[in-house]
Amino acid sequence: MRKLRWIVMTVVVAMALAGLATVAGAQSDEKPTATEVGVTAKEIRLAVIADVDNSFAPGLFQGSVDGVRGVAKYLNATGGLAGRKVVVDFIDSRLSPDEARSAMISACEEDFAMVGTSAVFLTTVEPQVNCVDKAGQTTGLPDIPFVTTEIVQQCSPITFPIAPPQIICSTRDEHPQTYQASVGRGFYYEEKYGDDLHGAYVFGNDSKSARNASFSSGLGQVREVCCESDRDFDLSALATQAEYAPIATELKSNDGNYAQCTGPVDCTIKLRKEAKIQGVDGVEVWDCGTQCYDPTLIEEGGADVEGQYADVLYLPFLDAKDLKANKMAADFVKYTGKDNAGKLGAVYAWAAGIALRDAVKTIVDESGNNGLTRAALLEALGNIHEFDADGMFGKIDLGGRKVTPCHVLTQVKDGKFVRVTPKKAGTFDCAAKNVIETQLDLIGQ
């Protein structure tokens, strides 16, 4: 069970200010009736399956639950969906494969779809794929997850990850496989600091699959653009700060000017604190992904994390200027709650709910309020190729499971997250070159 926190973090990635109420509440004049499992004349039931209550990482994905509950409040406040109220069923998967499987069975029997799924040990999709609809057909249970740790879930034909997987699913049985990675920040580092960035990468050694996922993502593949690895370090998620000393020593002795922890935020905090103790002062780029865009980084890291970069694929919602620039980001914080918005998974779970909204709107426009079936939802989700949650996220090809080139790079300055590039609030850097493909043989290795 020591592998849990590293697995979790592998997952782990234009402004639209008008007409939100119309979109969210889009419905026909048709009187709603019961059309599908989880769809009655008055309600649409959605399941959020997440690891929360457990003794190993208590409250792990409470943020995903908060995000789905928040988006449900938002949708209901703006007219509901297809003339119906959105109701959320939280099913705790408790960091257990058995509980995750049971949760899918329950959701199949009670809910229209799974939204914001965040279950680390969802090692089979059999209950989801074989789920029978109201008409008795094996249609499957649509899933718009945040966490997808297993390839069977990442590449399931009825799963549409809001954080698309690194592997290109059509190559999963090939050797090597092809992986996609968003590395836009690497071009910024190279331009600002030159082409001689080199140093240390820290990966988790508690799980080989988690290590592979981190390596194949933008976290590990930024080295292809800007930042050479002098040495990769594998370290347990349970490592103490003292165990980071060899990394700090390596950075100092090799004049390293780049360093990145690919794991959870406390990995970065421990490395930065130990580096301060060891007198490491030559690092120009302390790099990190979305896991570091977390108030915890500053609250626990204090002055030791000054200058830390954190790259995100959504608008930096901790910035008042971005909330002013984008109504959806402001609504996310409003309905999810300021204290909940920064929790792990909250922003992605919210976006999953907005993706569902967009798919339902398509169904209603084509077939009316009573066209809601799981089959129709799967078709609609598969046809969403430019999803951006009303400008809150960089555009995602949801149906094609393609990584977005869009990102915002932030940096801790004077104890706050500040936009670095692009500087204008409400915007993203979406250059096509930001996504690269690499050949890696990681499956079965």
Protein backbone atom coordinates (compact mmCIF):
# COMPACT_ATOMS: atom_id res chain seq x y z
CA MET A 1 0.00 0.00 0.00
CA ARG A 2 3.01 2.27 0.11
CA LYS A 3 2.59 2.88 -3.60
CA LEU A 4 -0.72 4.73 -3.23
CA ARG A 5 0.30 8.35 -3.20
CA TRP A 6 2.64 8.01 -6.17
CA ILE A 7 0.00 6.20 -8.23
CA VAL A 8 -2.49 8.92 -7.45
CA MET A 9 -0.31 11.74 -8.67
CA THR A 10 0.41 10.21 -12.07
CA VAL A 11 -2.91 10.93 -12.84
CA VAL A 12 -2.50 12.44 -12.98
CA VAL A 13 -3.30 17.87 -16.83
CA ALA A 14 -11.08 31.68 -24.93
CA MET A 15 -13.51 33.26 -22.55
CA ALA A 16 -17.19 32.24 -22.60
CA LEU A 17 -18.96 34.75 -20.39
CA ALA A 18 -22.43 34.82 -21.89
CA GLY A 19 -25.37 32.44 -22.04
CA LEU A 20 -24.31 30.02 -19.28
CA ALA A 21 -27.78 29.74 -17.79
CA THR A 22 -29.21 28.97 -21.21
CA VAL A 23 -26.66 26.24 -21.87
CA ALA A 24 -26.85 24.60 -18.46
CA GLY A 25 -30.63 24.64 -18.39
CA ALA A 26 -31.07 23.74 -22.06
CA GLN A 27 -34.29 21.79 -22.51
CA SER A 28 -37.08 21.25 -24.96
CA ASP A 29 -40.79 21.85 -24.38
CA GLU A 30 -41.30 18.11 -24.06
CA LYS A 31 -42.56 17.01 -20.64
CA PRO A 32 -39.82 14.89 -19.02
CA THR A 33 -40.45 11.20 -18.37
CA ALA A 34 -38.35 8.32 -17.05
CA THR A 35 -36.09 7.37 -19.96
CA GLU A 36 -33.09 5.52 -18.57
CA VAL A 37 -31.55 4.04 -15.45
CA GLY A 38 -30.92 7.08 -13.24
CA VAL A 39 -33.21 9.33 -15.28
CA THR A 40 -36.71 9.94 -13.91
CA ALA A 41 -39.23 12.62 -14.78
CA LYS A 42 -37.68 14.86 -12.14
CA GLU A 43 -34.07 13.77 -11.58
CA ILE A 44 -30.82 12.78 -13.25
CA ARG A 45 -28.64 10.76 -10.89
CA LEU A 46 -24.85 10.83 -11.29
CA ALA A 47 -22.33 8.68 -9.43
CA VAL A 48 -18.99 9.95 -8.21
CA ILE A 49 -16.81 6.99 -7.24
CA ALA A 50 -13.78 8.13 -5.26
CA ASP A 51 -11.26 6.94 -2.68
CA VAL A 52 -12.01 8.94 0.46
CA ASP A 53 -12.52 6.94 3.66
CA ASN A 54 -9.41 4.82 4.21
CA SER A 55 -6.65 4.43 6.78
CA PHE A 56 -3.74 4.91 4.35
CA ALA A 57 -4.55 8.33 2.87
CA PRO A 58 -7.64 9.67 4.66
CA GLY A 59 -9.77 12.01 2.56
CA LEU A 60 -7.63 11.31 -0.51
CA PHE A 61 -10.06 12.35 -3.25
CA GLN A 62 -12.56 14.33 -1.24
CA GLY A 63 -11.80 17.10 -3.72
CA SER A 64 -13.33 15.06 -6.55
CA VAL A 65 -16.50 14.59 -4.52
CA ASP A 66 -16.61 18.30 -3.72
CA GLY A 67 -16.10 19.16 -7.38
CA VAL A 68 -19.01 16.99 -8.58
CA ARG A 69 -21.28 18.25 -5.82
CA GLY A 70 -20.28 21.79 -6.68
CA VAL A 71 -21.04 21.42 -10.38
CA ALA A 72 -24.39 19.82 -9.52
CA LYS A 73 -25.28 22.92 -7.46
CA TYR A 74 -24.23 25.11 -10.36
CA LEU A 75 -26.26 23.14 -12.91
CA ASN A 76 -29.36 23.15 -10.73
CA ALA A 77 -28.97 26.88 -10.11
CA THR A 78 -28.89 27.46 -13.86
CA GLY A 79 -31.89 25.34 -14.84
CA GLY A 80 -30.87 21.74 -14.30
CA LEU A 81 -30.41 19.29 -17.17
CA ALA A 82 -33.15 18.43 -19.65
CA GLY A 83 -35.80 19.77 -17.29
CA ARG A 84 -34.54 17.69 -14.38
CA LYS A 85 -32.65 18.21 -11.13
CA VAL A 86 -29.12 16.80 -10.90
CA VAL A 87 -28.59 14.49 -7.91
CA VAL A 88 -25.17 13.20 -6.88
CA ASP A 89 -24.59 9.74 -5.42
CA PHE A 90 -21.18 9.50 -3.75
CA ILE A 91 -19.88 5.93 -3.58
CA ASP A 92 -16.64 5.47 -1.63
CA SER A 93 -14.17 3.07 -3.27
CA ARG A 94 -11.93 3.22 -0.17
CA LEU A 95 -8.66 2.44 -1.97
CA SER A 96 -9.89 -1.09 -2.59
CA PRO A 97 -10.32 -2.96 -5.88
CA ASP A 98 -13.26 -4.86 -4.40
CA GLU A 99 -14.95 -1.65 -3.26
CA ALA A 100 -14.29 -0.03 -6.65
CA ARG A 101 -15.89 -2.98 -8.42
CA SER A 102 -18.89 -2.92 -6.06
CA ALA A 103 -19.21 0.82 -6.62
CA MET A 104 -19.46 0.34 -10.38
CA ILE A 105 -22.15 -2.30 -9.90
CA SER A 106 -24.15 0.06 -7.67
CA ALA A 107 -23.75 2.92 -10.13
CA CYS A 108 -24.89 0.68 -12.99
CA GLU A 109 -28.09 -0.06 -11.10
CA GLU A 110 -28.85 3.48 -9.92
CA ASP A 111 -27.13 6.15 -12.01
CA PHE A 112 -27.13 7.61 -15.49
CA ALA A 113 -23.35 7.99 -15.62
CA MET A 114 -20.13 8.13 -13.60
CA VAL A 115 -18.60 11.60 -13.28
CA GLY A 116 -15.31 12.66 -11.69
CA THR A 117 -14.29 9.07 -10.99
CA SER A 118 -11.17 8.96 -8.80
CA ALA A 119 -10.52 5.34 -7.82
CA VAL A 120 -6.88 4.28 -7.77
CA PHE A 121 -7.63 0.55 -7.79
CA LEU A 122 -10.19 0.46 -10.56
CA THR A 123 -8.38 -2.50 -12.07
CA THR A 124 -11.29 -3.87 -14.09
CA VAL A 125 -13.98 -2.18 -16.16
CA GLU A 126 -16.06 -5.35 -16.57
CA PRO A 127 -19.00 -4.11 -14.44
CA GLN A 128 -18.95 -0.82 -16.35
CA VAL A 129 -18.68 -2.29 -19.85
CA ASN A 130 -21.29 -5.00 -19.21
CA CYS A 131 -23.77 -2.65 -17.56
CA VAL A 132 -27.33 -3.17 -18.83
CA ASP A 133 -29.52 -0.16 -19.60
CA LYS A 134 -33.25 0.40 -19.00
CA ALA A 135 -34.09 -1.37 -22.27
CA GLY A 136 -32.14 -4.46 -21.21
CA GLN A 137 -29.29 -3.82 -23.64
CA THR A 138 -25.61 -4.16 -22.69
CA THR A 139 -24.79 -0.54 -23.45
CA GLY A 140 -22.29 0.14 -20.69
CA LEU A 141 -22.11 2.87 -18.07
CA PRO A 142 -20.60 6.15 -19.39
CA ASP A 143 -17.63 7.40 -17.37
CA ILE A 144 -15.99 10.86 -17.35
CA PRO A 145 -13.18 10.31 -14.83
CA PHE A 146 -10.38 12.34 -13.31
CA VAL A 147 -8.12 9.49 -12.16
CA THR A 148 -7.31 6.69 -14.61
CA THR A 149 -4.41 4.64 -13.28
CA GLU A 150 -4.99 1.49 -15.30
CA ILE A 151 -4.81 1.15 -19.08
CA VAL A 152 -8.02 -0.91 -19.11
CA GLN A 153 -9.82 2.18 -17.82
CA GLN A 154 -7.82 4.73 -19.83
CA CYS A 155 -8.59 2.97 -23.09
CA SER A 156 -12.10 1.70 -22.35
CA PRO A 157 -14.41 2.68 -25.25
CA ILE A 158 -17.00 4.04 -22.81
CA THR A 159 -14.57 6.08 -20.71
CA PHE A 160 -13.74 9.69 -21.58
CA PRO A 161 -10.98 10.92 -19.24
CA ILE A 162 -11.04 14.65 -18.50
CA ALA A 163 -7.26 14.28 -18.15
CA PRO A 164 -6.50 12.24 -21.29
CA PRO A 165 -4.03 9.35 -20.84
CA GLN A 166 -0.42 9.55 -22.00
CA ILE A 167 -0.60 6.34 -24.01
CA ILE A 168 -2.11 6.48 -27.47
CA CYS A 169 -4.53 3.61 -27.03
CA SER A 170 -4.23 2.27 -30.58
CA THR A 171 -0.59 1.42 -29.79
CA ARG A 172 -1.16 -0.36 -26.48
CA ASP A 173 -0.37 -3.80 -27.97
CA GLU A 174 2.69 -2.59 -29.88
CA HIS A 175 6.34 -2.66 -28.80
CA PRO A 176 7.25 0.11 -28.29
CA GLN A 177 4.06 2.01 -27.53
CA THR A 178 3.49 5.66 -28.47
CA TYR A 179 2.96 8.21 -25.72
CA GLN A 180 1.80 11.82 -25.86
CA ALA A 181 3.10 14.49 -23.51
CA SER A 182 2.32 18.17 -22.96
CA VAL A 183 5.68 19.91 -22.53
CA GLY A 184 4.97 23.54 -23.35
CA ARG A 185 6.72 24.82 -20.26
CA GLY A 186 9.96 23.28 -21.49
CA PHE A 187 10.10 25.72 -24.41
CA TYR A 188 9.69 28.61 -21.98
CA TYR A 189 12.51 27.33 -19.78
CA GLU A 190 14.82 26.91 -22.76
CA GLU A 191 14.09 30.41 -24.05
CA LYS A 192 14.53 32.05 -20.63
CA TYR A 193 17.43 30.05 -19.20
CA GLY A 194 19.21 28.70 -22.27
CA ASP A 195 19.84 25.20 -23.60
CA ASP A 196 22.11 23.98 -20.82
CA LEU A 197 19.52 23.11 -18.20
CA HIS A 198 20.37 19.86 -16.43
CA GLY A 199 19.79 18.27 -13.06
CA ALA A 200 17.64 15.75 -11.21
CA TYR A 201 14.26 14.10 -11.73
CA VAL A 202 12.57 12.35 -8.80
CA PHE A 203 10.18 9.46 -9.47
CA GLY A 204 8.32 7.12 -7.14
CA ASN A 205 9.60 3.57 -6.68
CA ASP A 206 6.54 2.17 -4.87
CA SER A 207 4.82 1.18 -8.11
CA LYS A 208 6.35 0.40 -11.48
CA SER A 209 3.17 1.37 -13.32
CA ALA A 210 3.07 4.71 -11.53
CA ARG A 211 6.74 5.30 -12.28
CA ASN A 212 6.16 4.51 -15.95
CA ALA A 213 3.17 6.84 -16.09
CA SER A 214 5.12 9.73 -14.59
CA PHE A 215 8.05 9.12 -16.90
CA SER A 216 5.90 8.98 -20.07
CA SER A 217 3.94 12.14 -19.22
CA GLY A 218 5.01 15.74 -19.61
CA LEU A 219 6.57 15.46 -16.17
CA GLY A 220 9.20 13.04 -17.38
CA GLN A 221 9.38 13.96 -21.06
CA VAL A 222 10.14 17.66 -20.60
CA ARG A 223 13.74 16.41 -20.87
CA GLU A 224 13.10 15.93 -24.59
CA VAL A 225 12.71 19.71 -24.94
CA CYS A 226 14.90 21.50 -22.48
CA CYS A 227 16.11 19.83 -19.36
CA GLU A 228 18.61 16.99 -19.40
CA SER A 229 18.70 14.52 -16.54
CA ASP A 230 22.05 14.10 -14.82
CA ARG A 231 20.40 11.40 -12.78
CA ASP A 232 16.91 10.03 -12.15
CA PHE A 233 16.15 9.28 -8.52
CA ASP A 234 13.56 6.71 -7.43
CA LEU A 235 12.19 7.38 -3.98
CA SER A 236 9.32 6.03 -1.90
CA ALA A 237 6.31 8.22 -1.25
CA LEU A 238 6.95 7.56 2.43
CA ALA A 239 10.52 8.88 2.29
CA THR A 240 11.46 11.34 4.99
CA GLN A 241 12.99 14.71 4.23
CA ALA A 242 16.41 13.36 5.25
CA GLU A 243 16.18 10.80 2.43
CA TYR A 244 16.19 13.67 -0.07
CA ALA A 245 19.72 14.63 1.03
CA PRO A 246 21.49 12.60 -1.74
CA ILE A 247 19.44 14.45 -4.35
CA ALA A 248 20.44 17.81 -2.93
CA THR A 249 24.04 16.66 -2.76
CA GLU A 250 23.93 15.55 -6.39
CA LEU A 251 22.50 18.90 -7.50
CA LYS A 252 25.21 20.76 -5.62
CA SER A 253 28.16 18.65 -6.75
CA ASN A 254 27.09 18.59 -10.42
CA ASP A 255 26.15 22.28 -10.53
CA GLY A 256 22.62 21.23 -11.42
CA ASN A 257 20.36 24.09 -12.45
CA TYR A 258 17.11 22.12 -12.88
CA ALA A 259 15.13 19.84 -10.56
CA GLN A 260 11.68 18.26 -10.55
CA CYS A 261 9.68 15.98 -8.27
CA THR A 262 7.07 14.22 -10.40
CA GLY A 263 5.08 13.03 -7.37
CA PRO A 264 2.70 14.69 -4.92
CA VAL A 265 3.21 18.18 -3.58
CA ASP A 266 4.94 17.06 -0.39
CA CYS A 267 7.74 15.55 -2.52
CA THR A 268 8.54 19.01 -3.82
CA ILE A 269 8.27 20.54 -0.35
CA LYS A 270 10.71 18.02 1.13
CA LEU A 271 13.18 18.42 -1.73
CA ARG A 272 13.11 22.20 -1.53
CA LYS A 273 13.57 22.20 2.25
CA GLU A 274 16.44 19.75 2.12
CA ALA A 275 18.09 21.68 -0.70
CA LYS A 276 17.93 24.80 1.46
CA ILE A 277 19.63 22.95 4.34
CA GLN A 278 22.34 21.63 2.00
CA GLY A 279 23.03 25.08 0.62
CA VAL A 280 21.90 24.32 -2.94
CA ASP A 281 21.70 27.71 -4.61
CA GLY A 282 22.39 27.04 -8.29
CA VAL A 283 18.99 25.71 -9.37
CA GLU A 284 17.33 28.14 -11.76
CA VAL A 285 14.28 25.98 -12.56
CA TRP A 286 12.42 24.22 -9.77
CA ASP A 287 9.86 22.49 -11.95
CA CYS A 288 6.49 20.91 -11.13
CA GLY A 289 3.14 20.07 -12.68
CA THR A 290 -0.44 20.62 -11.62
CA GLN A 291 0.08 18.83 -8.30
CA CYS A 292 2.04 21.84 -7.06
CA TYR A 293 -0.75 24.31 -7.87
CA ASP A 294 -2.02 23.76 -4.38
CA PRO A 295 -2.21 26.14 -1.41
CA THR A 296 -0.47 23.42 0.60
CA LEU A 297 2.78 24.10 -1.29
CA ILE A 298 2.97 27.64 0.09
CA GLU A 299 1.37 26.92 3.46
CA GLU A 300 3.85 24.15 4.31
CA GLY A 301 6.79 25.16 2.15
CA GLY A 302 6.88 28.81 3.16
CA ALA A 303 9.92 30.78 2.01
CA ASP A 304 11.69 27.56 0.98
CA VAL A 305 9.44 27.14 -2.09
CA GLU A 306 9.87 30.67 -3.39
CA GLY A 307 10.41 30.60 -7.15
CA GLN A 308 8.74 27.21 -7.59
CA TYR A 309 7.10 26.70 -10.99
CA ALA A 310 3.73 24.95 -11.27
CA ASP A 311 2.33 24.18 -14.73
CA VAL A 312 -1.46 23.81 -15.14
CA LEU A 313 -3.84 22.95 -17.97
CA TYR A 314 -6.66 25.17 -16.65
CA LEU A 315 -6.98 28.80 -15.64
CA PRO A 316 -5.17 29.44 -12.34
CA PHE A 317 -8.28 29.86 -10.22
CA LEU A 318 -6.36 31.06 -7.16
CA ASP A 319 -5.77 34.30 -9.07
CA ALA A 320 -8.49 36.95 -8.75
CA LYS A 321 -7.71 38.28 -12.23
CA ASP A 322 -8.45 34.91 -13.84
CA LEU A 323 -11.70 34.62 -11.89
CA LYS A 324 -12.69 38.02 -13.22
CA ALA A 325 -11.68 37.06 -16.76
CA ASN A 326 -13.62 33.79 -16.87
CA LYS A 327 -17.08 33.30 -15.42
CA MET A 328 -16.83 29.53 -15.30
CA ALA A 329 -13.68 29.67 -13.18
CA ALA A 330 -15.45 32.08 -10.84
CA ASP A 331 -18.47 29.80 -10.65
CA PHE A 332 -16.23 26.83 -9.91
CA VAL A 333 -14.84 28.56 -6.83
CA LYS A 334 -18.26 29.91 -5.84
CA TYR A 335 -20.19 26.65 -6.00
CA THR A 336 -17.41 24.28 -4.94
CA GLY A 337 -16.29 26.56 -2.13
CA LYS A 338 -13.05 28.50 -1.79
CA ASP A 339 -11.67 26.03 0.76
CA ASN A 340 -12.53 23.04 -1.45
CA ALA A 341 -11.45 24.36 -4.85
CA GLY A 342 -7.75 23.65 -4.29
CA LYS A 343 -8.25 20.07 -3.15
CA LEU A 344 -6.88 17.27 -5.32
CA GLY A 345 -9.29 16.52 -8.16
CA ALA A 346 -11.84 19.26 -7.55
CA VAL A 347 -11.21 21.28 -10.72
CA TYR A 348 -11.11 18.16 -12.93
CA ALA A 349 -14.27 16.71 -11.40
CA TRP A 350 -16.05 20.03 -12.00
CA ALA A 351 -14.93 19.97 -15.64
CA ALA A 352 -16.23 16.40 -15.98
CA GLY A 353 -19.67 17.68 -14.94
CA ILE A 354 -19.50 20.44 -17.53
CA ALA A 355 -18.58 17.89 -20.21
CA LEU A 356 -21.68 15.93 -19.23
CA ARG A 357 -23.72 19.14 -19.51
CA ASP A 358 -22.44 19.73 -23.04
CA ALA A 359 -23.24 16.15 -24.07
CA VAL A 360 -26.77 16.36 -22.62
CA LYS A 361 -27.38 19.62 -24.45
CA THR A 362 -26.48 17.91 -27.74
CA ILE A 363 -28.92 15.09 -26.99
CA VAL A 364 -31.73 17.50 -26.06
CA ASP A 365 -31.15 19.61 -29.17
CA GLU A 366 -31.43 16.51 -31.36
CA SER A 367 -34.00 14.36 -29.53
CA GLY A 368 -35.72 16.47 -26.89
CA ASN A 369 -35.84 16.09 -23.12
CA ASN A 370 -36.71 12.40 -23.38
CA GLY A 371 -33.83 11.43 -25.63
CA LEU A 372 -31.63 10.81 -22.60
CA THR A 373 -30.23 7.29 -22.77
CA ARG A 374 -26.80 5.95 -21.96
CA ALA A 375 -26.30 5.04 -25.61
CA ALA A 376 -27.08 8.61 -26.66
CA LEU A 377 -24.73 9.96 -23.99
CA LEU A 378 -21.87 7.74 -25.15
CA GLU A 379 -22.35 8.92 -28.72
CA ALA A 380 -22.47 12.57 -27.68
CA LEU A 381 -19.35 12.30 -25.52
CA GLY A 382 -17.48 10.60 -28.33
CA ASN A 383 -18.24 13.55 -30.59
CA ILE A 384 -16.80 16.19 -28.23
CA HIS A 385 -13.44 17.12 -29.72
CA GLU A 386 -12.97 20.72 -28.57
CA PHE A 387 -13.98 20.78 -24.92
CA ASP A 388 -12.80 23.69 -22.80
CA ALA A 389 -15.37 23.99 -19.97
CA ASP A 390 -16.44 27.41 -21.23
CA GLY A 391 -12.86 28.59 -21.48
CA MET A 392 -11.75 27.40 -18.05
CA PHE A 393 -9.58 24.61 -19.52
CA GLY A 394 -7.33 24.48 -22.53
CA LYS A 395 -9.13 22.72 -25.37
CA ILE A 396 -9.30 18.94 -24.92
CA ASP A 397 -10.19 16.36 -27.57
CA LEU A 398 -12.36 14.37 -25.17
CA GLY A 399 -13.66 11.88 -27.71
CA GLY A 400 -10.22 11.34 -29.21
CA ARG A 401 -8.40 11.09 -25.87
CA LYS A 402 -5.75 13.56 -26.99
CA VAL A 403 -3.56 15.57 -24.64
CA THR A 404 -4.08 19.32 -24.89
CA PRO A 405 -1.25 21.61 -26.00
CA CYS A 406 -2.73 24.39 -23.86
CA HIS A 407 -1.15 25.33 -20.56
CA VAL A 408 -0.48 28.17 -18.14
CA LEU A 409 2.82 28.35 -16.28
CA THR A 410 2.70 29.84 -12.80
CA GLN A 411 5.45 30.59 -10.30
CA VAL A 412 5.52 31.28 -6.57
CA LYS A 413 6.52 34.90 -6.04
CA ASP A 414 6.35 36.60 -2.66
CA GLY A 415 4.26 33.74 -1.32
CA LYS A 416 1.65 33.75 -4.12
CA PHE A 417 1.10 31.89 -7.39
CA VAL A 418 1.72 34.34 -10.23
CA ARG A 419 1.15 33.85 -13.96
CA VAL A 420 4.41 33.61 -15.89
CA THR A 421 3.25 32.70 -19.38
CA PRO A 422 1.03 33.71 -20.98
CA LYS A 423 0.70 36.79 -18.81
CA LYS A 424 -2.80 37.86 -19.82
CA ALA A 425 -5.53 36.58 -17.49
CA GLY A 426 -8.01 34.19 -19.06
CA THR A 427 -5.62 32.96 -21.77
CA PHE A 428 -3.53 29.87 -22.55
CA ASP A 429 -0.40 29.05 -24.52
CA CYS A 430 -1.77 26.55 -27.04
CA ALA A 431 1.10 26.20 -29.52
CA ALA A 432 0.89 22.91 -31.42
CA LYS A 433 4.57 22.19 -30.65
CA ASN A 434 3.67 21.88 -26.95
CA VAL A 435 2.57 18.26 -27.47
CA ILE A 436 5.22 15.75 -28.42
CA GLU A 437 5.07 12.01 -29.10
CA THR A 438 7.66 9.55 -27.86
CA GLN A 439 8.28 5.84 -28.37
CA LEU A 440 8.61 3.96 -25.09
CA ASP A 441 8.26 0.25 -24.35
CA LEU A 442 6.63 0.34 -20.91
CA ILE A 443 3.84 -2.23 -21.05
CA GLY A 444 4.99 -5.61 -19.89
CA GLN A 445 8.45 -4.30 -19.14
